[in-house]
Amino acid sequence: MVLNNEKYFVYDLFPFRSHSLDCTLLIRNSLILSDIECPDVYVEQAQNPWGTCTNPDGSPATGLIYQTTCSFECLTGHERVGSENITCQLSGEWSPDPPECERKNFFAQSTTSRANSCFH
């Protein structure tokens, strides 16, 4: 659909109604997908805590709208728990849930390797 010279994707909530309805009724009873927004996401200890977000066509996202995908990489010394990519759904929620970046436990790893290399 084109409205004010802008293209919109329209999800028709009432597919079985008469096609003779005017455009105003169509807009009022339909959902403009570009109006669906997901909440801001912030992942602590990520290289970019707000995520690197793209539109479905791969261009940089300017908003967190339906089908926007955000990816997250953790800082050195941290590992991601959860999915690297999340996508804004029709419900206005992210799926899967945003990941977390947890600090790696280097001490436990180094203690084990030292214990295996001790000589008496």
N, C-alpha and C. Protein backbone atom coordinates (compact mmCIF):
# COMPACT_ATOMS: atom_id res chain seq x y z
N MET A 1 0.85 -1.15 0.00
CA MET A 1 0.00 0.00 0.00
C MET A 1 0.90 1.22 0.00
N VAL A 2 0.49 2.29 -0.66
CA VAL A 2 1.22 3.54 -0.67
C VAL A 2 0.38 4.58 0.04
N LEU A 3 0.96 5.25 1.01
CA LEU A 3 0.28 6.27 1.79
C LEU A 3 1.22 7.45 1.93
N ASN A 4 0.81 8.63 1.49
CA ASN A 4 1.67 9.82 1.52
C ASN A 4 3.00 9.55 0.82
N ASN A 5 2.93 8.90 -0.32
CA ASN A 5 4.10 8.57 -1.15
C ASN A 5 5.10 7.64 -0.47
N GLU A 6 4.68 6.93 0.60
CA GLU A 6 5.54 5.96 1.26
C GLU A 6 4.91 4.58 1.13
N LYS A 7 5.75 3.57 0.93
CA LYS A 7 5.26 2.20 0.80
C LYS A 7 5.14 1.57 2.18
N TYR A 8 4.03 0.87 2.43
CA TYR A 8 3.81 0.16 3.67
C TYR A 8 3.39 -1.27 3.36
N PHE A 9 3.86 -2.19 4.18
CA PHE A 9 3.36 -3.55 4.11
C PHE A 9 2.13 -3.61 5.01
N VAL A 10 1.07 -4.21 4.55
CA VAL A 10 -0.16 -4.25 5.32
C VAL A 10 -0.52 -5.69 5.59
N TYR A 11 -0.81 -5.99 6.84
CA TYR A 11 -1.28 -7.31 7.24
C TYR A 11 -2.76 -7.19 7.47
N ASP A 12 -3.57 -7.83 6.66
CA ASP A 12 -5.02 -7.70 6.72
C ASP A 12 -5.57 -8.59 7.82
N LEU A 13 -6.17 -7.98 8.84
CA LEU A 13 -6.73 -8.73 9.95
C LEU A 13 -8.11 -9.31 9.63
N PHE A 14 -8.73 -8.82 8.56
CA PHE A 14 -10.06 -9.26 8.17
C PHE A 14 -10.07 -9.68 6.70
N PRO A 15 -9.48 -10.83 6.35
CA PRO A 15 -9.32 -11.21 4.95
C PRO A 15 -10.62 -11.56 4.24
N PHE A 16 -11.72 -11.80 4.95
CA PHE A 16 -12.94 -12.25 4.30
C PHE A 16 -13.98 -11.15 4.11
N ARG A 17 -13.62 -9.91 4.33
CA ARG A 17 -14.59 -8.83 4.18
C ARG A 17 -14.72 -8.43 2.71
N SER A 18 -15.68 -7.61 2.43
CA SER A 18 -15.95 -7.15 1.08
C SER A 18 -14.80 -6.27 0.57
N HIS A 19 -14.43 -6.41 -0.69
CA HIS A 19 -13.36 -5.60 -1.28
C HIS A 19 -13.86 -4.21 -1.67
N SER A 20 -15.14 -3.91 -1.46
CA SER A 20 -15.68 -2.61 -1.83
C SER A 20 -15.50 -1.57 -0.73
N LEU A 21 -14.84 -1.94 0.39
CA LEU A 21 -14.64 -1.00 1.48
C LEU A 21 -13.65 0.08 1.07
N ASP A 22 -13.83 1.27 1.61
CA ASP A 22 -12.93 2.35 1.22
C ASP A 22 -11.59 2.23 1.93
N CYS A 23 -10.62 3.00 1.47
CA CYS A 23 -9.25 2.91 1.97
C CYS A 23 -9.16 3.24 3.45
N THR A 24 -9.96 4.18 3.94
CA THR A 24 -9.93 4.54 5.36
C THR A 24 -10.27 3.35 6.24
N LEU A 25 -11.29 2.61 5.85
CA LEU A 25 -11.68 1.43 6.62
C LEU A 25 -10.59 0.36 6.54
N LEU A 26 -9.97 0.21 5.38
CA LEU A 26 -8.89 -0.76 5.21
C LEU A 26 -7.74 -0.44 6.17
N ILE A 27 -7.36 0.82 6.26
CA ILE A 27 -6.26 1.20 7.14
C ILE A 27 -6.66 1.01 8.60
N ARG A 28 -7.87 1.37 8.97
CA ARG A 28 -8.32 1.26 10.34
C ARG A 28 -8.40 -0.19 10.80
N ASN A 29 -8.76 -1.11 9.91
CA ASN A 29 -8.93 -2.51 10.28
C ASN A 29 -7.73 -3.37 9.93
N SER A 30 -6.65 -2.76 9.51
CA SER A 30 -5.44 -3.49 9.16
C SER A 30 -4.29 -3.02 10.04
N LEU A 31 -3.23 -3.77 10.03
CA LEU A 31 -2.08 -3.48 10.85
C LEU A 31 -0.94 -3.08 9.92
N ILE A 32 -0.40 -1.90 10.08
CA ILE A 32 0.75 -1.48 9.27
C ILE A 32 1.99 -2.02 9.98
N LEU A 33 2.67 -2.94 9.33
CA LEU A 33 3.77 -3.66 9.97
C LEU A 33 4.92 -2.75 10.38
N SER A 34 5.12 -1.65 9.69
CA SER A 34 6.20 -0.75 10.07
C SER A 34 5.91 -0.02 11.38
N ASP A 35 4.68 -0.13 11.89
CA ASP A 35 4.33 0.48 13.18
C ASP A 35 4.62 -0.44 14.36
N ILE A 36 4.94 -1.70 14.10
CA ILE A 36 5.25 -2.65 15.18
C ILE A 36 6.69 -2.43 15.61
N GLU A 37 6.88 -2.10 16.88
CA GLU A 37 8.22 -1.86 17.41
C GLU A 37 8.52 -2.80 18.56
N CYS A 38 9.77 -3.19 18.67
CA CYS A 38 10.24 -3.98 19.80
C CYS A 38 10.98 -3.05 20.76
N PRO A 39 11.04 -3.42 22.05
CA PRO A 39 11.74 -2.57 23.02
C PRO A 39 13.25 -2.53 22.77
N ASP A 40 13.88 -1.47 23.25
CA ASP A 40 15.34 -1.37 23.17
C ASP A 40 15.96 -2.57 23.87
N VAL A 41 17.09 -2.99 23.36
CA VAL A 41 17.84 -4.12 23.94
C VAL A 41 19.21 -3.60 24.33
N TYR A 42 19.69 -4.03 25.49
CA TYR A 42 21.02 -3.67 25.96
C TYR A 42 21.65 -4.91 26.57
N VAL A 43 22.76 -5.36 26.00
CA VAL A 43 23.46 -6.55 26.50
C VAL A 43 24.80 -6.10 27.08
N GLU A 44 24.91 -6.17 28.41
CA GLU A 44 26.14 -5.76 29.08
C GLU A 44 27.30 -6.66 28.65
N GLN A 45 28.47 -6.08 28.55
CA GLN A 45 29.71 -6.76 28.19
C GLN A 45 29.71 -7.24 26.73
N ALA A 46 28.84 -6.66 25.89
CA ALA A 46 28.87 -6.96 24.46
C ALA A 46 29.73 -5.90 23.78
N GLN A 47 30.33 -6.23 22.63
CA GLN A 47 31.14 -5.25 21.90
C GLN A 47 30.29 -4.03 21.55
N ASN A 48 29.07 -4.25 21.13
CA ASN A 48 28.11 -3.17 20.91
C ASN A 48 26.88 -3.52 21.74
N PRO A 49 26.76 -2.96 22.96
CA PRO A 49 25.69 -3.37 23.87
C PRO A 49 24.28 -3.21 23.30
N TRP A 50 24.10 -2.29 22.34
CA TRP A 50 22.78 -2.08 21.73
C TRP A 50 22.56 -3.03 20.57
N GLY A 51 23.58 -3.78 20.17
CA GLY A 51 23.47 -4.72 19.06
C GLY A 51 23.77 -4.06 17.74
N THR A 52 24.13 -4.88 16.77
CA THR A 52 24.29 -4.43 15.40
C THR A 52 23.01 -4.85 14.69
N CYS A 53 22.16 -3.89 14.35
CA CYS A 53 20.81 -4.19 13.87
C CYS A 53 20.66 -3.87 12.38
N THR A 54 19.96 -4.76 11.69
CA THR A 54 19.73 -4.59 10.26
C THR A 54 18.27 -4.81 9.91
N ASN A 55 17.84 -4.18 8.82
CA ASN A 55 16.51 -4.40 8.26
C ASN A 55 16.50 -5.74 7.53
N PRO A 56 15.31 -6.24 7.16
CA PRO A 56 15.25 -7.51 6.43
C PRO A 56 16.07 -7.52 5.13
N ASP A 57 16.25 -6.35 4.50
CA ASP A 57 17.03 -6.29 3.26
C ASP A 57 18.53 -6.19 3.51
N GLY A 58 18.95 -6.20 4.80
CA GLY A 58 20.37 -6.15 5.15
C GLY A 58 20.91 -4.75 5.38
N SER A 59 20.12 -3.72 5.12
CA SER A 59 20.58 -2.35 5.34
C SER A 59 20.55 -2.04 6.84
N PRO A 60 21.38 -1.09 7.29
CA PRO A 60 21.40 -0.74 8.71
C PRO A 60 20.01 -0.28 9.18
N ALA A 61 19.59 -0.77 10.33
CA ALA A 61 18.28 -0.42 10.87
C ALA A 61 18.31 0.96 11.50
N THR A 62 17.24 1.71 11.28
CA THR A 62 17.10 3.02 11.92
C THR A 62 16.09 2.97 13.06
N GLY A 63 15.41 1.84 13.20
CA GLY A 63 14.45 1.63 14.28
C GLY A 63 14.31 0.15 14.56
N LEU A 64 13.75 -0.19 15.68
CA LEU A 64 13.59 -1.59 16.07
C LEU A 64 12.17 -2.04 15.73
N ILE A 65 11.91 -2.18 14.43
CA ILE A 65 10.58 -2.52 13.95
C ILE A 65 10.51 -3.99 13.53
N TYR A 66 9.30 -4.43 13.19
CA TYR A 66 9.04 -5.80 12.78
C TYR A 66 10.08 -6.29 11.77
N GLN A 67 10.64 -7.45 12.02
CA GLN A 67 11.64 -8.16 11.22
C GLN A 67 13.04 -7.57 11.27
N THR A 68 13.27 -6.56 12.15
CA THR A 68 14.63 -6.08 12.37
C THR A 68 15.39 -7.19 13.10
N THR A 69 16.62 -7.46 12.69
CA THR A 69 17.45 -8.46 13.36
C THR A 69 18.65 -7.77 13.98
N CYS A 70 18.96 -8.10 15.23
CA CYS A 70 20.12 -7.55 15.93
C CYS A 70 21.05 -8.69 16.32
N SER A 71 22.34 -8.46 16.15
CA SER A 71 23.32 -9.48 16.52
C SER A 71 24.24 -8.92 17.61
N PHE A 72 24.77 -9.84 18.42
CA PHE A 72 25.60 -9.46 19.56
C PHE A 72 26.83 -10.35 19.64
N GLU A 73 27.99 -9.70 19.85
CA GLU A 73 29.24 -10.42 20.12
C GLU A 73 29.75 -9.92 21.46
N CYS A 74 30.27 -10.83 22.25
CA CYS A 74 30.74 -10.46 23.60
C CYS A 74 32.18 -9.95 23.56
N LEU A 75 32.51 -9.14 24.55
CA LEU A 75 33.89 -8.66 24.70
C LEU A 75 34.82 -9.82 24.99
N THR A 76 36.10 -9.62 24.73
CA THR A 76 37.11 -10.62 25.06
C THR A 76 37.04 -10.93 26.54
N GLY A 77 37.10 -12.20 26.88
CA GLY A 77 37.01 -12.62 28.27
C GLY A 77 35.59 -12.95 28.70
N HIS A 78 34.66 -12.82 27.78
CA HIS A 78 33.25 -13.13 28.06
C HIS A 78 32.75 -14.08 26.98
N GLU A 79 31.76 -14.89 27.35
CA GLU A 79 31.16 -15.76 26.35
C GLU A 79 29.66 -15.55 26.32
N ARG A 80 29.12 -15.67 25.11
CA ARG A 80 27.69 -15.45 24.92
C ARG A 80 26.91 -16.66 25.39
N VAL A 81 25.85 -16.39 26.13
CA VAL A 81 24.91 -17.43 26.53
C VAL A 81 23.59 -17.06 25.84
N GLY A 82 23.21 -17.87 24.88
CA GLY A 82 22.02 -17.58 24.09
C GLY A 82 22.40 -17.36 22.64
N SER A 83 21.43 -16.98 21.87
CA SER A 83 21.60 -16.83 20.42
C SER A 83 22.36 -15.55 20.07
N GLU A 84 23.14 -15.61 18.99
CA GLU A 84 23.85 -14.43 18.51
C GLU A 84 22.87 -13.42 17.91
N ASN A 85 21.80 -13.91 17.26
CA ASN A 85 20.85 -13.05 16.57
C ASN A 85 19.46 -13.13 17.20
N ILE A 86 18.81 -11.97 17.30
CA ILE A 86 17.42 -11.91 17.74
C ILE A 86 16.64 -11.11 16.70
N THR A 87 15.34 -11.40 16.55
CA THR A 87 14.52 -10.75 15.53
C THR A 87 13.24 -10.22 16.15
N CYS A 88 12.85 -9.02 15.76
CA CYS A 88 11.62 -8.40 16.23
C CYS A 88 10.43 -9.11 15.58
N GLN A 89 9.53 -9.61 16.41
CA GLN A 89 8.39 -10.40 15.95
C GLN A 89 7.14 -9.54 15.79
N LEU A 90 6.12 -10.10 15.15
CA LEU A 90 4.84 -9.45 14.96
C LEU A 90 4.20 -9.05 16.28
N SER A 91 4.52 -9.77 17.35
CA SER A 91 3.99 -9.50 18.69
C SER A 91 4.64 -8.28 19.35
N GLY A 92 5.72 -7.75 18.74
CA GLY A 92 6.45 -6.64 19.35
C GLY A 92 7.47 -7.09 20.38
N GLU A 93 7.78 -8.38 20.38
CA GLU A 93 8.77 -8.96 21.29
C GLU A 93 9.93 -9.53 20.48
N TRP A 94 11.09 -9.68 21.14
CA TRP A 94 12.26 -10.27 20.49
C TRP A 94 12.20 -11.78 20.59
N SER A 95 12.65 -12.44 19.55
CA SER A 95 12.75 -13.91 19.58
C SER A 95 14.01 -14.32 18.83
N PRO A 96 14.79 -15.21 19.43
CA PRO A 96 14.70 -15.67 20.82
C PRO A 96 15.02 -14.51 21.78
N ASP A 97 15.03 -14.80 23.06
CA ASP A 97 15.37 -13.77 24.04
C ASP A 97 16.79 -13.25 23.79
N PRO A 98 17.06 -11.99 24.14
CA PRO A 98 18.42 -11.46 23.98
C PRO A 98 19.43 -12.29 24.77
N PRO A 99 20.66 -12.41 24.25
CA PRO A 99 21.68 -13.21 24.94
C PRO A 99 22.25 -12.45 26.14
N GLU A 100 23.10 -13.12 26.88
CA GLU A 100 23.88 -12.51 27.95
C GLU A 100 25.34 -12.79 27.67
N CYS A 101 26.20 -11.90 28.13
CA CYS A 101 27.64 -12.11 28.02
C CYS A 101 28.18 -12.35 29.42
N GLU A 102 28.62 -13.58 29.68
CA GLU A 102 29.12 -13.93 31.00
C GLU A 102 30.65 -14.00 30.98
N ARG A 103 31.24 -13.56 32.07
CA ARG A 103 32.70 -13.58 32.19
C ARG A 103 33.17 -15.02 32.25
N LYS A 104 34.20 -15.32 31.45
CA LYS A 104 34.79 -16.66 31.49
C LYS A 104 35.55 -16.83 32.79
N ASN A 105 35.55 -18.03 33.33
CA ASN A 105 36.25 -18.31 34.57
C ASN A 105 37.64 -18.86 34.22
N PHE A 106 38.60 -17.95 34.04
CA PHE A 106 39.96 -18.35 33.67
C PHE A 106 40.68 -19.02 34.82
N PHE A 107 40.36 -18.65 36.08
CA PHE A 107 41.06 -19.23 37.22
C PHE A 107 40.83 -20.73 37.30
N ALA A 108 39.60 -21.17 37.11
CA ALA A 108 39.30 -22.60 37.19
C ALA A 108 40.04 -23.36 36.09
N GLN A 109 40.14 -22.78 34.91
CA GLN A 109 40.84 -23.44 33.82
C GLN A 109 42.34 -23.50 34.11
N SER A 110 42.91 -22.40 34.61
CA SER A 110 44.36 -22.39 34.84
C SER A 110 44.74 -23.28 36.02
N THR A 111 43.88 -23.40 37.04
CA THR A 111 44.16 -24.28 38.18
C THR A 111 44.22 -25.72 37.72
N THR A 112 43.31 -26.13 36.86
CA THR A 112 43.29 -27.51 36.36
C THR A 112 44.54 -27.80 35.56
N SER A 113 44.93 -26.89 34.68
CA SER A 113 46.11 -27.15 33.86
C SER A 113 47.38 -27.16 34.70
N ARG A 114 47.46 -26.32 35.74
CA ARG A 114 48.64 -26.33 36.61
C ARG A 114 48.71 -27.61 37.43
N ALA A 115 47.57 -28.12 37.87
CA ALA A 115 47.54 -29.34 38.67
C ALA A 115 48.04 -30.52 37.86
N ASN A 116 47.77 -30.51 36.58
CA ASN A 116 48.21 -31.60 35.72
C ASN A 116 49.69 -31.52 35.37
N SER A 117 50.31 -30.38 35.60
CA SER A 117 51.72 -30.23 35.22
C SER A 117 52.66 -30.12 36.42
N CYS A 118 52.19 -30.40 37.63
CA CYS A 118 53.04 -30.33 38.83
C CYS A 118 53.90 -31.59 38.95
N PHE A 119 55.16 -31.38 39.33
CA PHE A 119 56.05 -32.50 39.55
C PHE A 119 56.63 -32.39 40.97
N HIS A 120 56.77 -33.51 41.65
CA HIS A 120 57.33 -33.51 43.00
C HIS A 120 58.60 -34.28 43.05
